[in-house]
Amino acid sequence: MSLVSTIYGSVRQVADSLVERKTSYESVVLVEYPREGVYMIGLVTGEGPREAEAIAGSDVYNVFLPNSPNPTAGRLLLLPEDQVHETDMSVRRGMRLIVTTGMGDERAPEGVSPQLLERVER
């Protein structure tokens, strides 16, 4: 069990250091990908190009879908607004989930607001 603890601790440190850096990620979203009914965490990096909006006929967002556990690689999707599902998840928590392959998520006890947990984590 100590090997698992060592690996988990190391991965957690990497996740924390990645999140601490200044990022230009605007928010964490869910995107139905790679097929219907399956969702990936995405990071909104900005508004999509006008050319994409003209083709889609609506607002388009640049959404980066990072690979797990290495978020330095991934895919950039240009998604119409109706395919981007907003969350109240912080970028820090989203990155922690990605880097730790979901093992770094600590669910809030019932009745505790996510905003309070974010303040406590800092």
Foldseek 3Di string as FASTA:
>chain_A
DVVVVVVLVVLLVVLQVVVPDDDQFDAWWWACPDHPPDIAIWTFNAWDDPVVCVVVVATWTWIFGAAALGRVDTDTDTGHPVRTGGDPDGPSQNSSCRNSVNPPDDDDDPPDDPVVVVVVVD
